[in-house]
């Protein structure tokens, strides 16, 4: 996935809420010990205000993980939100500057499996029938004020392009 993004945001106060912006991909595959596939919502936040996040990061996770949720009854999906500034290479635009973004979702998926955040496919990736349903670019705003004021954000996305998946070896 490739695109150019330009972000601007204003916070009226540090306690008024906040924003988080990034890209997300949904992936499904069959894992060992399960007769039904797992689903993964994999998000990279390349800009976020701590006050704009919904949840506290559980202790003991790798430093690039902002939020993490494992499947539970009624919500059969892994949810992983990564801090783009802590990835290699970092994905972190400067506010007000049009910044090219390139995300290799295959490498990101291999990264979260290597970190032990999701189980690999039953017979490895070579014999897997993993599917990726869609991807998105999004920005969310949380306003904690009543009435006028609160955070504001503008995100311009141009030159959006998705290309074929490049095979990645996961060990």
C-alpha atoms as a PDB file:
ATOM      1  CA  UNK A   1       0.000   0.000   0.000  1.00  0.00           C
ATOM      2  CA  UNK A   2       1.374   3.397  -0.943  1.00  0.00           C
ATOM      3  CA  UNK A   3       0.006   6.912  -0.663  1.00  0.00           C
ATOM      4  CA  UNK A   4       0.910  10.439   0.337  1.00  0.00           C
ATOM      5  CA  UNK A   5      -0.624  11.884   3.498  1.00  0.00           C
ATOM      6  CA  UNK A   6      -0.752  15.396   4.900  1.00  0.00           C
ATOM      7  CA  UNK A   7      -2.042  15.785   8.460  1.00  0.00           C
ATOM      8  CA  UNK A   8      -2.959  18.850  10.464  1.00  0.00           C
ATOM      9  CA  UNK A   9      -4.497  18.756  13.914  1.00  0.00           C
ATOM     10  CA  UNK A  10      -5.321  21.191  16.674  1.00  0.00           C
ATOM     11  CA  UNK A  11      -5.888  20.377  20.325  1.00  0.00           C
ATOM     12  CA  UNK A  12      -7.659  23.043  22.369  1.00  0.00           C
ATOM     13  CA  UNK A  13      -6.165  21.494  25.515  1.00  0.00           C
ATOM     14  CA  UNK A  14      -4.261  18.307  26.336  1.00  0.00           C
ATOM     15  CA  UNK A  15      -7.305  16.940  28.186  1.00  0.00           C
ATOM     16  CA  UNK A  16      -9.886  17.748  25.483  1.00  0.00           C
ATOM     17  CA  UNK A  17      -9.434  14.455  23.642  1.00  0.00           C
ATOM     18  CA  UNK A  18      -7.195  13.601  20.737  1.00  0.00           C
ATOM     19  CA  UNK A  19      -6.768  11.981  17.358  1.00  0.00           C
ATOM     20  CA  UNK A  20      -5.164   8.916  15.864  1.00  0.00           C
ATOM     21  CA  UNK A  21      -4.509   8.380  12.159  1.00  0.00           C
ATOM     22  CA  UNK A  22      -3.138   5.452  10.214  1.00  0.00           C
ATOM     23  CA  UNK A  23      -3.852   2.429   8.030  1.00  0.00           C
ATOM     24  CA  UNK A  24      -5.550  -0.870   8.755  1.00  0.00           C
ATOM     25  CA  UNK A  25      -5.630  -4.278   7.079  1.00  0.00           C
ATOM     26  CA  UNK A  26      -7.874  -7.301   7.745  1.00  0.00           C
ATOM     27  CA  UNK A  27      -6.445 -10.827   7.338  1.00  0.00           C
ATOM     28  CA  UNK A  28      -7.909 -14.340   7.898  1.00  0.00           C
ATOM     29  CA  UNK A  29      -6.229 -17.782   8.032  1.00  0.00           C
ATOM     30  CA  UNK A  30      -6.485 -21.223   9.677  1.00  0.00           C
ATOM     31  CA  UNK A  31      -4.246 -21.891  12.688  1.00  0.00           C
ATOM     32  CA  UNK A  32      -3.150 -25.073  14.451  1.00  0.00           C
ATOM     33  CA  UNK A  33      -5.622 -26.385  16.991  1.00  0.00           C
ATOM     34  CA  UNK A  34      -8.609 -24.596  15.492  1.00  0.00           C
ATOM     35  CA  UNK A  35     -11.280 -25.800  13.084  1.00  0.00           C
ATOM     36  CA  UNK A  36     -12.266 -22.256  12.153  1.00  0.00           C
ATOM     37  CA  UNK A  37     -10.054 -19.480  10.808  1.00  0.00           C
ATOM     38  CA  UNK A  38      -8.835 -16.564  12.880  1.00  0.00           C
ATOM     39  CA  UNK A  39      -9.229 -12.945  11.851  1.00  0.00           C
ATOM     40  CA  UNK A  40      -6.795 -10.146  12.442  1.00  0.00           C
ATOM     41  CA  UNK A  41      -7.337  -6.405  12.408  1.00  0.00           C
ATOM     42  CA  UNK A  42      -3.830  -5.020  11.957  1.00  0.00           C
ATOM     43  CA  UNK A  43      -3.509  -1.265  12.349  1.00  0.00           C
ATOM     44  CA  UNK A  44      -0.537   1.058  12.096  1.00  0.00           C
ATOM     45  CA  UNK A  45      -1.034   4.427  13.766  1.00  0.00           C
ATOM     46  CA  UNK A  46       1.504   6.785  12.298  1.00  0.00           C
ATOM     47  CA  UNK A  47       0.138   9.698  14.276  1.00  0.00           C
ATOM     48  CA  UNK A  48      -1.636   9.560  17.634  1.00  0.00           C
ATOM     49  CA  UNK A  49      -2.249  11.576  20.751  1.00  0.00           C
ATOM     50  CA  UNK A  50      -2.111   9.432  23.886  1.00  0.00           C
ATOM     51  CA  UNK A  51      -5.328  11.123  24.999  1.00  0.00           C
ATOM     52  CA  UNK A  52      -7.023   9.964  21.775  1.00  0.00           C
ATOM     53  CA  UNK A  53      -6.518   6.259  22.419  1.00  0.00           C
ATOM     54  CA  UNK A  54      -9.367   4.218  23.836  1.00  0.00           C
ATOM     55  CA  UNK A  55      -7.466   1.736  25.926  1.00  0.00           C
ATOM     56  CA  UNK A  56      -4.423   1.337  28.133  1.00  0.00           C
ATOM     57  CA  UNK A  57      -1.705  -0.845  26.598  1.00  0.00           C
ATOM     58  CA  UNK A  58      -1.453  -4.110  28.544  1.00  0.00           C
ATOM     59  CA  UNK A  59       1.925  -4.593  30.273  1.00  0.00           C
ATOM     60  CA  UNK A  60       4.550  -6.942  28.843  1.00  0.00           C
ATOM     61  CA  UNK A  61       3.892  -6.241  25.159  1.00  0.00           C
ATOM     62  CA  UNK A  62       6.599  -5.239  22.660  1.00  0.00           C
ATOM     63  CA  UNK A  63       7.298  -1.452  22.635  1.00  0.00           C
ATOM     64  CA  UNK A  64       5.729  -0.966  19.191  1.00  0.00           C
ATOM     65  CA  UNK A  65       2.285  -2.205  20.355  1.00  0.00           C
ATOM     66  CA  UNK A  66      -0.202   0.538  21.265  1.00  0.00           C
ATOM     67  CA  UNK A  67      -3.284  -1.658  21.734  1.00  0.00           C
ATOM     68  CA  UNK A  68      -3.794  -5.426  21.686  1.00  0.00           C
ATOM     69  CA  UNK A  69      -6.872  -7.603  21.946  1.00  0.00           C
ATOM     70  CA  UNK A  70      -7.166 -11.387  21.666  1.00  0.00           C
ATOM     71  CA  UNK A  71     -10.289 -13.223  20.487  1.00  0.00           C
ATOM     72  CA  UNK A  72     -13.059 -13.627  23.033  1.00  0.00           C
ATOM     73  CA  UNK A  73     -16.626 -14.960  22.795  1.00  0.00           C
ATOM     74  CA  UNK A  74     -18.684 -12.676  20.606  1.00  0.00           C
ATOM     75  CA  UNK A  75     -15.590 -10.959  19.176  1.00  0.00           C
ATOM     76  CA  UNK A  76     -13.537 -13.596  17.346  1.00  0.00           C
ATOM     77  CA  UNK A  77     -10.731 -11.370  16.112  1.00  0.00           C
ATOM     78  CA  UNK A  78      -7.222 -10.352  17.092  1.00  0.00           C
ATOM     79  CA  UNK A  79      -6.804  -6.567  17.195  1.00  0.00           C
ATOM     80  CA  UNK A  80      -3.282  -5.195  17.017  1.00  0.00           C
ATOM     81  CA  UNK A  81      -2.497  -1.487  16.820  1.00  0.00           C
ATOM     82  CA  UNK A  82       1.164  -0.662  16.190  1.00  0.00           C
ATOM     83  CA  UNK A  83       3.032   2.608  16.728  1.00  0.00           C
ATOM     84  CA  UNK A  84       4.353   3.429  13.242  1.00  0.00           C
ATOM     85  CA  UNK A  85       7.188   5.556  14.659  1.00  0.00           C
ATOM     86  CA  UNK A  86       8.652   2.431  16.345  1.00  0.00           C
ATOM     87  CA  UNK A  87       8.635   0.215  13.240  1.00  0.00           C
ATOM     88  CA  UNK A  88      11.678  -0.380  11.064  1.00  0.00           C
ATOM     89  CA  UNK A  89      11.658   1.666   8.919  1.00  0.00           C
ATOM     90  CA  UNK A  90       9.494   4.125  10.862  1.00  0.00           C
ATOM     91  CA  UNK A  91       6.158   5.278   9.428  1.00  0.00           C
ATOM     92  CA  UNK A  92       5.695   8.712  10.964  1.00  0.00           C
ATOM     93  CA  UNK A  93       4.715  11.815   8.972  1.00  0.00           C
ATOM     94  CA  UNK A  94       5.418  15.332  10.198  1.00  0.00           C
ATOM     95  CA  UNK A  95       2.318  17.445  10.815  1.00  0.00           C
ATOM     96  CA  UNK A  96       1.639  19.837   7.931  1.00  0.00           C
ATOM     97  CA  UNK A  97       4.069  18.106   5.528  1.00  0.00           C
ATOM     98  CA  UNK A  98       2.943  15.898   2.625  1.00  0.00           C
ATOM     99  CA  UNK A  99       4.685  12.600   3.422  1.00  0.00           C
ATOM    100  CA  UNK A 100       4.923   9.461   1.237  1.00  0.00           C
ATOM    101  CA  UNK A 101       3.752   6.354   3.122  1.00  0.00           C
ATOM    102  CA  UNK A 102       4.669   2.813   2.032  1.00  0.00           C
ATOM    103  CA  UNK A 103       3.378  -0.193   3.965  1.00  0.00           C
ATOM    104  CA  UNK A 104       4.329  -3.764   3.100  1.00  0.00           C
ATOM    105  CA  UNK A 105       1.535  -5.605   4.899  1.00  0.00           C
ATOM    106  CA  UNK A 106       3.282  -8.958   4.376  1.00  0.00           C
ATOM    107  CA  UNK A 107       6.298  -7.759   6.369  1.00  0.00           C
ATOM    108  CA  UNK A 108       4.080  -6.212   9.038  1.00  0.00           C
ATOM    109  CA  UNK A 109       2.183  -9.501   9.395  1.00  0.00           C
ATOM    110  CA  UNK A 110       5.473 -11.430   9.648  1.00  0.00           C
ATOM    111  CA  UNK A 111       6.597  -8.927  12.304  1.00  0.00           C
ATOM    112  CA  UNK A 112       3.548  -9.449  14.581  1.00  0.00           C
ATOM    113  CA  UNK A 113       3.829 -13.242  14.217  1.00  0.00           C
ATOM    114  CA  UNK A 114       7.541 -13.040  15.120  1.00  0.00           C
ATOM    115  CA  UNK A 115       6.575 -10.980  18.204  1.00  0.00           C
ATOM    116  CA  UNK A 116       4.229 -13.822  19.230  1.00  0.00           C
ATOM    117  CA  UNK A 117       1.081 -11.680  18.987  1.00  0.00           C
ATOM    118  CA  UNK A 118      -0.824 -14.060  16.653  1.00  0.00           C
ATOM    119  CA  UNK A 119      -0.380 -17.750  15.792  1.00  0.00           C
ATOM    120  CA  UNK A 120       1.014 -18.713  12.370  1.00  0.00           C
ATOM    121  CA  UNK A 121      -1.002 -20.779   9.848  1.00  0.00           C
ATOM    122  CA  UNK A 122      -1.397 -24.547  10.392  1.00  0.00           C
ATOM    123  CA  UNK A 123       1.160 -25.714   7.816  1.00  0.00           C
ATOM    124  CA  UNK A 124       3.196 -22.545   7.409  1.00  0.00           C
ATOM    125  CA  UNK A 125       2.574 -19.794   4.899  1.00  0.00           C
ATOM    126  CA  UNK A 126       3.608 -21.849   1.862  1.00  0.00           C
ATOM    127  CA  UNK A 127       0.650 -24.220   2.357  1.00  0.00           C
ATOM    128  CA  UNK A 128      -1.729 -21.617   3.766  1.00  0.00           C
ATOM    129  CA  UNK A 129      -4.830 -20.111   2.272  1.00  0.00           C
ATOM    130  CA  UNK A 130      -4.594 -16.776   4.037  1.00  0.00           C
ATOM    131  CA  UNK A 131      -6.824 -14.054   2.675  1.00  0.00           C
ATOM    132  CA  UNK A 132      -6.723 -10.321   3.037  1.00  0.00           C
ATOM    133  CA  UNK A 133     -10.085  -8.643   2.668  1.00  0.00           C
ATOM    134  CA  UNK A 134      -9.440  -4.927   2.563  1.00  0.00           C
ATOM    135  CA  UNK A 135      -7.308  -2.086   3.784  1.00  0.00           C
ATOM    136  CA  UNK A 136      -8.093   1.460   4.727  1.00  0.00           C
ATOM    137  CA  UNK A 137      -6.621   4.812   5.607  1.00  0.00           C
ATOM    138  CA  UNK A 138      -8.441   6.521   8.455  1.00  0.00           C
ATOM    139  CA  UNK A 139      -8.377   9.186  11.108  1.00  0.00           C
ATOM    140  CA  UNK A 140     -10.460   9.163  14.288  1.00  0.00           C
ATOM    141  CA  UNK A 141     -11.151  12.034  16.651  1.00  0.00           C
ATOM    142  CA  UNK A 142     -12.210  11.765  20.286  1.00  0.00           C
ATOM    143  CA  UNK A 143     -13.727  14.918  21.769  1.00  0.00           C
ATOM    144  CA  UNK A 144     -14.037  15.014  25.553  1.00  0.00           C
ATOM    145  CA  UNK A 145     -15.576  18.501  25.674  1.00  0.00           C
ATOM    146  CA  UNK A 146     -19.234  19.447  25.703  1.00  0.00           C
ATOM    147  CA  UNK A 147     -20.133  22.236  23.290  1.00  0.00           C
ATOM    148  CA  UNK A 148     -17.613  23.975  21.058  1.00  0.00           C
ATOM    149  CA  UNK A 149     -13.904  23.360  21.119  1.00  0.00           C
ATOM    150  CA  UNK A 150     -12.073  20.094  21.310  1.00  0.00           C
ATOM    151  CA  UNK A 151      -9.632  18.522  18.876  1.00  0.00           C
ATOM    152  CA  UNK A 152      -9.753  19.071  15.123  1.00  0.00           C
ATOM    153  CA  UNK A 153      -7.980  17.105  12.401  1.00  0.00           C
ATOM    154  CA  UNK A 154      -7.576  17.340   8.637  1.00  0.00           C
ATOM    155  CA  UNK A 155      -6.075  14.464   6.664  1.00  0.00           C
ATOM    156  CA  UNK A 156      -5.449  14.666   2.921  1.00  0.00           C
ATOM    157  CA  UNK A 157      -4.648  11.400   1.134  1.00  0.00           C
ATOM    158  CA  UNK A 158      -3.361  11.460  -2.448  1.00  0.00           C
ATOM    159  CA  UNK A 159      -1.644   9.032  -4.848  1.00  0.00           C
ATOM    160  CA  UNK A 160      -3.259   5.996  -3.172  1.00  0.00           C
ATOM    161  CA  UNK A 161      -2.163   2.670  -4.663  1.00  0.00           C
ATOM    162  CA  UNK A 162      -2.366  -0.973  -3.634  1.00  0.00           C
ATOM    163  CA  UNK A 163      -0.274  -3.567  -5.378  1.00  0.00           C
ATOM    164  CA  UNK A 164       0.078  -7.354  -5.390  1.00  0.00           C
ATOM    165  CA  UNK A 165       1.223  -9.114  -2.256  1.00  0.00           C
ATOM    166  CA  UNK A 166       4.906  -9.946  -2.210  1.00  0.00           C
ATOM    167  CA  UNK A 167       5.632 -13.375  -0.648  1.00  0.00           C
ATOM    168  CA  UNK A 168       7.274 -13.188   2.764  1.00  0.00           C
ATOM    169  CA  UNK A 169       8.945 -16.057   4.574  1.00  0.00           C
ATOM    170  CA  UNK A 170       7.946 -16.357   8.233  1.00  0.00           C
ATOM    171  CA  UNK A 171      10.136 -18.487  10.459  1.00  0.00           C
END
